[in-house]
C-alpha cells in the first residue's frame, strides 16, 4: 500500500515537472517571438518611444495572438 502511494506520488511529481518544463519552453518561445515581432515593428514604424506606439504594438500582437489561437482551435476541432 505504501509503495503504491510512493509510486503515485513519483508519477505526479514527474507530471508536474514535465508540465513546468513545457511551460518554461513556451515562455521562452513567446519571448523570442516578441523580440522578432518587435524588431519588425521597429523597422517599419521606428523606435517605440511614445505611449501610443507601445499601445499600437500591443494591439498588433494581440490581434496576431487571437488569429493564431482561432486558427489552432479550428484545426484541432477538425482533428
C-alpha atoms as a PDB file:
ATOM      1  CA  UNK A   1       0.000   0.000   0.000  1.00  0.00           C
ATOM      2  CA  UNK A   2       2.760   2.466   0.918  1.00  0.00           C
ATOM      3  CA  UNK A   3       4.773   1.618  -2.191  1.00  0.00           C
ATOM      4  CA  UNK A   4       1.698   2.283  -4.341  1.00  0.00           C
ATOM      5  CA  UNK A   5       1.307   5.751  -2.772  1.00  0.00           C
ATOM      6  CA  UNK A   6       5.013   6.475  -3.314  1.00  0.00           C
ATOM      7  CA  UNK A   7       4.688   5.345  -6.930  1.00  0.00           C
ATOM      8  CA  UNK A   8       1.648   7.589  -7.464  1.00  0.00           C
ATOM      9  CA  UNK A   9       3.490  10.476  -5.804  1.00  0.00           C
ATOM     10  CA  UNK A  10       6.527   9.955  -8.060  1.00  0.00           C
ATOM     11  CA  UNK A  11       4.284   9.873 -11.137  1.00  0.00           C
ATOM     12  CA  UNK A  12       2.573  13.089 -10.103  1.00  0.00           C
ATOM     13  CA  UNK A  13       5.926  14.786  -9.469  1.00  0.00           C
ATOM     14  CA  UNK A  14       7.115  13.735 -12.954  1.00  0.00           C
ATOM     15  CA  UNK A  15       3.871  15.016 -14.484  1.00  0.00           C
ATOM     16  CA  UNK A  16       4.211  18.372 -12.719  1.00  0.00           C
ATOM     17  CA  UNK A  17       7.858  18.748 -13.726  1.00  0.00           C
ATOM     18  CA  UNK A  18       7.106  17.927 -17.354  1.00  0.00           C
ATOM     19  CA  UNK A  19       4.277  20.479 -17.333  1.00  0.00           C
ATOM     20  CA  UNK A  20       6.595  23.073 -15.796  1.00  0.00           C
ATOM     21  CA  UNK A  21       9.347  22.400 -18.343  1.00  0.00           C
ATOM     22  CA  UNK A  22       6.931  22.637 -21.287  1.00  0.00           C
ATOM     23  CA  UNK A  23       5.533  25.891 -19.883  1.00  0.00           C
ATOM     24  CA  UNK A  24       9.061  27.274 -19.483  1.00  0.00           C
ATOM     25  CA  UNK A  25       9.920  26.450 -23.095  1.00  0.00           C
ATOM     26  CA  UNK A  26       6.647  28.036 -24.185  1.00  0.00           C
ATOM     27  CA  UNK A  27       7.528  31.179 -22.263  1.00  0.00           C
ATOM     28  CA  UNK A  28      10.992  31.331 -23.838  1.00  0.00           C
ATOM     29  CA  UNK A  29       9.456  30.843 -27.289  1.00  0.00           C
ATOM     30  CA  UNK A  30       6.969  33.638 -26.574  1.00  0.00           C
ATOM     31  CA  UNK A  31       9.805  35.965 -25.586  1.00  0.00           C
ATOM     32  CA  UNK A  32      11.698  35.092 -28.768  1.00  0.00           C
ATOM     33  CA  UNK A  33       8.614  35.765 -30.907  1.00  0.00           C
ATOM     34  CA  UNK A  34       8.029  39.017 -29.040  1.00  0.00           C
ATOM     35  CA  UNK A  35      11.546  40.149 -29.849  1.00  0.00           C
ATOM     36  CA  UNK A  36      11.203  39.134 -33.506  1.00  0.00           C
ATOM     37  CA  UNK A  37       7.864  40.896 -33.949  1.00  0.00           C
ATOM     38  CA  UNK A  38       9.165  43.936 -32.085  1.00  0.00           C
ATOM     39  CA  UNK A  39      12.175  44.109 -34.429  1.00  0.00           C
ATOM     40  CA  UNK A  40       9.929  44.044 -37.498  1.00  0.00           C
ATOM     41  CA  UNK A  41       7.643  46.637 -35.936  1.00  0.00           C
ATOM     42  CA  UNK A  42      10.623  48.900 -35.166  1.00  0.00           C
ATOM     43  CA  UNK A  43      11.979  48.532 -38.690  1.00  0.00           C
ATOM     44  CA  UNK A  44       8.728  49.743 -40.246  1.00  0.00           C
ATOM     45  CA  UNK A  45       7.468  52.199 -37.624  1.00  0.00           C
ATOM     46  CA  UNK A  46      10.607  53.324 -35.805  1.00  0.00           C
ATOM     47  CA  UNK A  47      11.516  53.119 -32.144  1.00  0.00           C
ATOM     48  CA  UNK A  48       8.680  52.597 -29.660  1.00  0.00           C
ATOM     49  CA  UNK A  49       9.216  55.789 -27.703  1.00  0.00           C
ATOM     50  CA  UNK A  50       5.706  57.099 -27.254  1.00  0.00           C
ATOM     51  CA  UNK A  51       2.906  55.503 -25.299  1.00  0.00           C
ATOM     52  CA  UNK A  52       0.746  55.484 -28.428  1.00  0.00           C
ATOM     53  CA  UNK A  53       3.365  53.455 -30.318  1.00  0.00           C
ATOM     54  CA  UNK A  54       3.522  50.951 -27.454  1.00  0.00           C
ATOM     55  CA  UNK A  55      -0.257  50.572 -27.463  1.00  0.00           C
ATOM     56  CA  UNK A  56      -0.286  50.100 -31.232  1.00  0.00           C
ATOM     57  CA  UNK A  57       2.343  47.375 -30.835  1.00  0.00           C
ATOM     58  CA  UNK A  58       0.341  45.723 -28.039  1.00  0.00           C
ATOM     59  CA  UNK A  59      -2.827  45.770 -30.145  1.00  0.00           C
ATOM     60  CA  UNK A  60      -0.918  44.369 -33.127  1.00  0.00           C
ATOM     61  CA  UNK A  61       0.497  41.496 -31.068  1.00  0.00           C
ATOM     62  CA  UNK A  62      -2.925  40.824 -29.529  1.00  0.00           C
ATOM     63  CA  UNK A  63      -4.549  40.606 -32.964  1.00  0.00           C
ATOM     64  CA  UNK A  64      -1.863  38.165 -34.111  1.00  0.00           C
ATOM     65  CA  UNK A  65      -2.365  36.060 -30.964  1.00  0.00           C
ATOM     66  CA  UNK A  66      -6.141  35.964 -31.461  1.00  0.00           C
ATOM     67  CA  UNK A  67      -5.788  34.956 -35.119  1.00  0.00           C
ATOM     68  CA  UNK A  68      -3.321  32.180 -34.290  1.00  0.00           C
ATOM     69  CA  UNK A  69      -5.428  30.953 -31.366  1.00  0.00           C
ATOM     70  CA  UNK A  70      -8.541  30.864 -33.530  1.00  0.00           C
ATOM     71  CA  UNK A  71      -6.695  29.018 -36.300  1.00  0.00           C
ATOM     72  CA  UNK A  72      -5.205  26.462 -33.923  1.00  0.00           C
ATOM     73  CA  UNK A  73      -8.544  25.810 -32.210  1.00  0.00           C
ATOM     74  CA  UNK A  74     -10.291  25.438 -35.577  1.00  0.00           C
ATOM     75  CA  UNK A  75      -7.626  22.967 -36.741  1.00  0.00           C
ATOM     76  CA  UNK A  76      -7.805  20.965 -33.511  1.00  0.00           C
ATOM     77  CA  UNK A  77     -11.580  20.679 -33.759  1.00  0.00           C
ATOM     78  CA  UNK A  78     -11.180  19.114 -37.205  1.00  0.00           C
ATOM     79  CA  UNK A  79      -8.723  16.578 -35.843  1.00  0.00           C
END
